[in-house]
Amino acid sequence: MVAQPDDAPLSALPSRGARLAAFAAIIVGGFAGGLIGYTLVQLQCSGDCAVPLGLGAFFGAIIAAGGMAVVAVLVLRALGEWREVEQRELDKRQGAANR
């Protein structure tokens, strides 16, 4: 259960831990995408491949980090909605207990 002070309004802002976890997931996803892009180009290229390897790593990292950012935003929104539903249920239970 999420403990909220009685006078504090419910905030849509996710907790600091959730935001840090989302940021870390985006960084890890971007790193993995960069490795995948680099490896794909390395397997297909022969000779002087410095520029294609760099471009493969760059675009792989950008695409993977962008996709991970979309997932992270959706997860953070879901957490916010979940917290709101929990708060509504808690308010209903407290209202029923006070009658």
N, C-alpha and C. Protein backbone atom coordinates (compact mmCIF):
# COMPACT_ATOMS: atom_id res chain seq x y z
N MET A 1 0.82 -1.18 0.00
CA MET A 1 0.00 0.00 0.00
C MET A 1 0.87 1.25 0.00
N VAL A 2 0.43 2.28 -0.65
CA VAL A 2 1.17 3.52 -0.71
C VAL A 2 0.70 4.41 0.43
N ALA A 3 1.63 4.77 1.30
CA ALA A 3 1.28 5.63 2.42
C ALA A 3 1.40 7.08 1.99
N GLN A 4 0.28 7.79 2.03
CA GLN A 4 0.25 9.21 1.67
C GLN A 4 -0.17 10.00 2.91
N PRO A 5 0.50 11.11 3.20
CA PRO A 5 0.01 11.96 4.28
C PRO A 5 -1.38 12.48 3.94
N ASP A 6 -2.20 12.69 4.97
CA ASP A 6 -3.59 13.10 4.74
C ASP A 6 -3.70 14.44 4.03
N ASP A 7 -2.78 15.37 4.29
CA ASP A 7 -2.89 16.69 3.70
C ASP A 7 -2.17 16.82 2.35
N ALA A 8 -1.42 15.80 1.94
CA ALA A 8 -0.69 15.86 0.67
C ALA A 8 -1.60 15.42 -0.47
N PRO A 9 -1.67 16.21 -1.54
CA PRO A 9 -2.49 15.80 -2.68
C PRO A 9 -1.82 14.65 -3.43
N LEU A 10 -2.64 13.84 -4.08
CA LEU A 10 -2.12 12.75 -4.89
C LEU A 10 -1.41 13.34 -6.10
N SER A 11 -0.17 12.95 -6.31
CA SER A 11 0.63 13.50 -7.41
C SER A 11 0.73 12.51 -8.54
N ALA A 12 0.70 13.02 -9.77
CA ALA A 12 0.89 12.17 -10.95
C ALA A 12 2.36 11.89 -11.19
N LEU A 13 3.24 12.59 -10.49
CA LEU A 13 4.68 12.41 -10.65
C LEU A 13 5.10 11.09 -10.02
N PRO A 14 5.75 10.22 -10.80
CA PRO A 14 6.21 8.94 -10.23
C PRO A 14 7.27 9.16 -9.16
N SER A 15 7.49 8.16 -8.36
CA SER A 15 8.49 8.27 -7.30
C SER A 15 9.89 8.40 -7.92
N ARG A 16 10.80 8.88 -7.12
CA ARG A 16 12.18 9.05 -7.59
C ARG A 16 12.78 7.71 -8.00
N GLY A 17 12.51 6.67 -7.24
CA GLY A 17 13.03 5.35 -7.57
C GLY A 17 12.52 4.83 -8.90
N ALA A 18 11.24 5.07 -9.17
CA ALA A 18 10.66 4.63 -10.44
C ALA A 18 11.27 5.39 -11.61
N ARG A 19 11.49 6.68 -11.41
CA ARG A 19 12.11 7.48 -12.49
C ARG A 19 13.55 7.06 -12.73
N LEU A 20 14.28 6.77 -11.66
CA LEU A 20 15.67 6.31 -11.81
C LEU A 20 15.73 4.94 -12.49
N ALA A 21 14.80 4.06 -12.14
CA ALA A 21 14.76 2.75 -12.78
C ALA A 21 14.44 2.89 -14.27
N ALA A 22 13.54 3.79 -14.62
CA ALA A 22 13.20 4.02 -16.03
C ALA A 22 14.41 4.58 -16.78
N PHE A 23 15.12 5.51 -16.16
CA PHE A 23 16.31 6.08 -16.80
C PHE A 23 17.37 5.01 -17.01
N ALA A 24 17.58 4.17 -16.00
CA ALA A 24 18.57 3.09 -16.12
C ALA A 24 18.17 2.11 -17.22
N ALA A 25 16.88 1.82 -17.32
CA ALA A 25 16.42 0.90 -18.36
C ALA A 25 16.65 1.49 -19.75
N ILE A 26 16.45 2.78 -19.91
CA ILE A 26 16.69 3.43 -21.20
C ILE A 26 18.17 3.37 -21.56
N ILE A 27 19.04 3.62 -20.58
CA ILE A 27 20.48 3.57 -20.82
C ILE A 27 20.91 2.15 -21.21
N VAL A 28 20.44 1.16 -20.46
CA VAL A 28 20.80 -0.23 -20.76
C VAL A 28 20.27 -0.65 -22.13
N GLY A 29 19.03 -0.25 -22.43
CA GLY A 29 18.45 -0.56 -23.74
C GLY A 29 19.24 0.08 -24.87
N GLY A 30 19.64 1.33 -24.69
CA GLY A 30 20.45 2.00 -25.70
C GLY A 30 21.80 1.34 -25.89
N PHE A 31 22.42 0.93 -24.80
CA PHE A 31 23.71 0.24 -24.89
C PHE A 31 23.56 -1.07 -25.64
N ALA A 32 22.51 -1.84 -25.30
CA ALA A 32 22.28 -3.12 -25.98
C ALA A 32 21.99 -2.89 -27.47
N GLY A 33 21.21 -1.87 -27.79
CA GLY A 33 20.93 -1.56 -29.18
C GLY A 33 22.18 -1.17 -29.94
N GLY A 34 23.07 -0.43 -29.30
CA GLY A 34 24.33 -0.07 -29.92
C GLY A 34 25.20 -1.28 -30.21
N LEU A 35 25.24 -2.21 -29.27
CA LEU A 35 26.00 -3.45 -29.49
C LEU A 35 25.40 -4.27 -30.63
N ILE A 36 24.08 -4.32 -30.68
CA ILE A 36 23.43 -5.08 -31.75
C ILE A 36 23.70 -4.43 -33.10
N GLY A 37 23.58 -3.11 -33.19
CA GLY A 37 23.85 -2.42 -34.44
C GLY A 37 25.29 -2.59 -34.89
N TYR A 38 26.22 -2.48 -33.95
CA TYR A 38 27.63 -2.65 -34.26
C TYR A 38 27.90 -4.06 -34.78
N THR A 39 27.34 -5.06 -34.10
CA THR A 39 27.56 -6.44 -34.49
C THR A 39 26.95 -6.77 -35.84
N LEU A 40 25.76 -6.25 -36.12
CA LEU A 40 25.14 -6.49 -37.42
C LEU A 40 26.01 -5.95 -38.56
N VAL A 41 26.56 -4.77 -38.38
CA VAL A 41 27.42 -4.20 -39.42
C VAL A 41 28.73 -4.97 -39.49
N GLN A 42 29.28 -5.36 -38.35
CA GLN A 42 30.55 -6.09 -38.33
C GLN A 42 30.44 -7.42 -39.07
N LEU A 43 29.30 -8.08 -38.95
CA LEU A 43 29.10 -9.36 -39.62
C LEU A 43 28.98 -9.22 -41.14
N GLN A 44 28.53 -8.05 -41.61
CA GLN A 44 28.26 -7.87 -43.03
C GLN A 44 29.34 -7.09 -43.76
N CYS A 45 30.26 -6.48 -43.04
CA CYS A 45 31.23 -5.58 -43.66
C CYS A 45 32.61 -6.23 -43.71
N SER A 46 33.33 -5.93 -44.77
CA SER A 46 34.71 -6.39 -44.87
C SER A 46 35.57 -5.21 -45.34
N GLY A 47 36.79 -5.18 -44.92
CA GLY A 47 37.67 -4.07 -45.28
C GLY A 47 37.59 -2.96 -44.24
N ASP A 48 37.71 -1.72 -44.71
CA ASP A 48 37.66 -0.56 -43.83
C ASP A 48 36.20 -0.26 -43.48
N CYS A 49 35.82 -0.53 -42.25
CA CYS A 49 34.42 -0.43 -41.85
C CYS A 49 34.21 0.52 -40.67
N ALA A 50 35.12 1.44 -40.44
CA ALA A 50 35.01 2.29 -39.26
C ALA A 50 33.73 3.13 -39.27
N VAL A 51 33.44 3.78 -40.38
CA VAL A 51 32.25 4.64 -40.45
C VAL A 51 30.97 3.81 -40.39
N PRO A 52 30.84 2.73 -41.17
CA PRO A 52 29.63 1.93 -41.05
C PRO A 52 29.44 1.32 -39.65
N LEU A 53 30.54 0.91 -39.01
CA LEU A 53 30.42 0.37 -37.66
C LEU A 53 29.92 1.44 -36.68
N GLY A 54 30.45 2.63 -36.81
CA GLY A 54 30.00 3.73 -35.95
C GLY A 54 28.55 4.08 -36.19
N LEU A 55 28.15 4.13 -37.47
CA LEU A 55 26.76 4.43 -37.78
C LEU A 55 25.81 3.33 -37.30
N GLY A 56 26.24 2.08 -37.45
CA GLY A 56 25.42 0.97 -36.96
C GLY A 56 25.23 1.05 -35.46
N ALA A 57 26.30 1.32 -34.74
CA ALA A 57 26.21 1.44 -33.28
C ALA A 57 25.34 2.63 -32.89
N PHE A 58 25.53 3.76 -33.57
CA PHE A 58 24.79 4.98 -33.25
C PHE A 58 23.29 4.79 -33.48
N PHE A 59 22.93 4.33 -34.68
CA PHE A 59 21.51 4.19 -34.99
C PHE A 59 20.87 3.06 -34.20
N GLY A 60 21.61 2.00 -33.93
CA GLY A 60 21.09 0.94 -33.08
C GLY A 60 20.80 1.44 -31.68
N ALA A 61 21.71 2.25 -31.14
CA ALA A 61 21.51 2.79 -29.80
C ALA A 61 20.34 3.76 -29.76
N ILE A 62 20.22 4.62 -30.76
CA ILE A 62 19.13 5.60 -30.80
C ILE A 62 17.78 4.91 -30.91
N ILE A 63 17.67 3.94 -31.79
CA ILE A 63 16.40 3.24 -31.99
C ILE A 63 16.01 2.46 -30.74
N ALA A 64 16.96 1.75 -30.16
CA ALA A 64 16.65 0.95 -28.96
C ALA A 64 16.32 1.84 -27.77
N ALA A 65 17.07 2.92 -27.58
CA ALA A 65 16.79 3.82 -26.46
C ALA A 65 15.43 4.50 -26.65
N GLY A 66 15.10 4.86 -27.88
CA GLY A 66 13.79 5.47 -28.15
C GLY A 66 12.66 4.50 -27.85
N GLY A 67 12.80 3.27 -28.27
CA GLY A 67 11.78 2.26 -27.97
C GLY A 67 11.66 2.00 -26.49
N MET A 68 12.79 1.95 -25.80
CA MET A 68 12.76 1.73 -24.36
C MET A 68 12.15 2.92 -23.64
N ALA A 69 12.36 4.13 -24.17
CA ALA A 69 11.76 5.32 -23.56
C ALA A 69 10.24 5.27 -23.67
N VAL A 70 9.73 4.81 -24.79
CA VAL A 70 8.28 4.68 -24.95
C VAL A 70 7.73 3.69 -23.92
N VAL A 71 8.40 2.56 -23.77
CA VAL A 71 7.96 1.56 -22.79
C VAL A 71 8.04 2.13 -21.37
N ALA A 72 9.11 2.86 -21.06
CA ALA A 72 9.27 3.43 -19.72
C ALA A 72 8.16 4.44 -19.42
N VAL A 73 7.82 5.28 -20.38
CA VAL A 73 6.75 6.25 -20.16
C VAL A 73 5.42 5.55 -19.92
N LEU A 74 5.14 4.51 -20.68
CA LEU A 74 3.89 3.77 -20.49
C LEU A 74 3.84 3.10 -19.11
N VAL A 75 4.98 2.56 -18.66
CA VAL A 75 5.03 1.93 -17.34
C VAL A 75 4.84 2.97 -16.25
N LEU A 76 5.48 4.13 -16.38
CA LEU A 76 5.34 5.17 -15.36
C LEU A 76 3.91 5.70 -15.31
N ARG A 77 3.25 5.82 -16.45
CA ARG A 77 1.85 6.24 -16.46
C ARG A 77 0.96 5.20 -15.80
N ALA A 78 1.23 3.94 -16.08
CA ALA A 78 0.44 2.87 -15.47
C ALA A 78 0.62 2.87 -13.95
N LEU A 79 1.84 3.12 -13.49
CA LEU A 79 2.08 3.20 -12.04
C LEU A 79 1.29 4.35 -11.42
N GLY A 80 1.25 5.49 -12.11
CA GLY A 80 0.49 6.63 -11.61
C GLY A 80 -0.99 6.34 -11.53
N GLU A 81 -1.53 5.68 -12.56
CA GLU A 81 -2.95 5.33 -12.55
C GLU A 81 -3.24 4.30 -11.46
N TRP A 82 -2.34 3.37 -11.27
CA TRP A 82 -2.52 2.36 -10.25
C TRP A 82 -2.56 3.01 -8.86
N ARG A 83 -1.67 3.97 -8.64
CA ARG A 83 -1.65 4.67 -7.37
C ARG A 83 -2.96 5.44 -7.15
N GLU A 84 -3.49 6.02 -8.21
CA GLU A 84 -4.75 6.76 -8.12
C GLU A 84 -5.91 5.83 -7.76
N VAL A 85 -5.96 4.67 -8.39
CA VAL A 85 -7.02 3.70 -8.10
C VAL A 85 -6.90 3.21 -6.66
N GLU A 86 -5.67 2.92 -6.21
CA GLU A 86 -5.47 2.50 -4.82
C GLU A 86 -5.94 3.56 -3.85
N GLN A 87 -5.66 4.83 -4.15
CA GLN A 87 -6.06 5.93 -3.27
C GLN A 87 -7.59 6.04 -3.22
N ARG A 88 -8.25 5.88 -4.38
CA ARG A 88 -9.71 5.92 -4.40
C ARG A 88 -10.31 4.80 -3.57
N GLU A 89 -9.74 3.60 -3.70
CA GLU A 89 -10.23 2.46 -2.92
C GLU A 89 -10.01 2.70 -1.43
N LEU A 90 -8.88 3.25 -1.07
CA LEU A 90 -8.60 3.55 0.33
C LEU A 90 -9.57 4.59 0.87
N ASP A 91 -9.86 5.61 0.07
CA ASP A 91 -10.83 6.63 0.48
C ASP A 91 -12.21 6.04 0.67
N LYS A 92 -12.62 5.11 -0.21
CA LYS A 92 -13.92 4.46 -0.08
C LYS A 92 -13.99 3.65 1.22
N ARG A 93 -12.92 2.89 1.51
CA ARG A 93 -12.90 2.08 2.72
C ARG A 93 -12.93 2.94 3.96
N GLN A 94 -12.19 4.06 3.96
CA GLN A 94 -12.18 4.95 5.11
C GLN A 94 -13.52 5.63 5.27
N GLY A 95 -14.17 5.97 4.15
CA GLY A 95 -15.48 6.59 4.22
C GLY A 95 -16.52 5.63 4.76
N ALA A 96 -16.43 4.37 4.38
CA ALA A 96 -17.36 3.36 4.86
C ALA A 96 -17.13 3.07 6.34
N ALA A 97 -15.88 3.12 6.78
CA ALA A 97 -15.57 2.85 8.19
C ALA A 97 -16.00 3.99 9.10
N ASN A 98 -16.06 5.22 8.57
CA ASN A 98 -16.42 6.38 9.38
C ASN A 98 -17.93 6.52 9.53
N ARG A 99 -18.70 5.76 8.78
CA ARG A 99 -20.18 5.89 8.87
C ARG A 99 -20.71 5.24 10.10
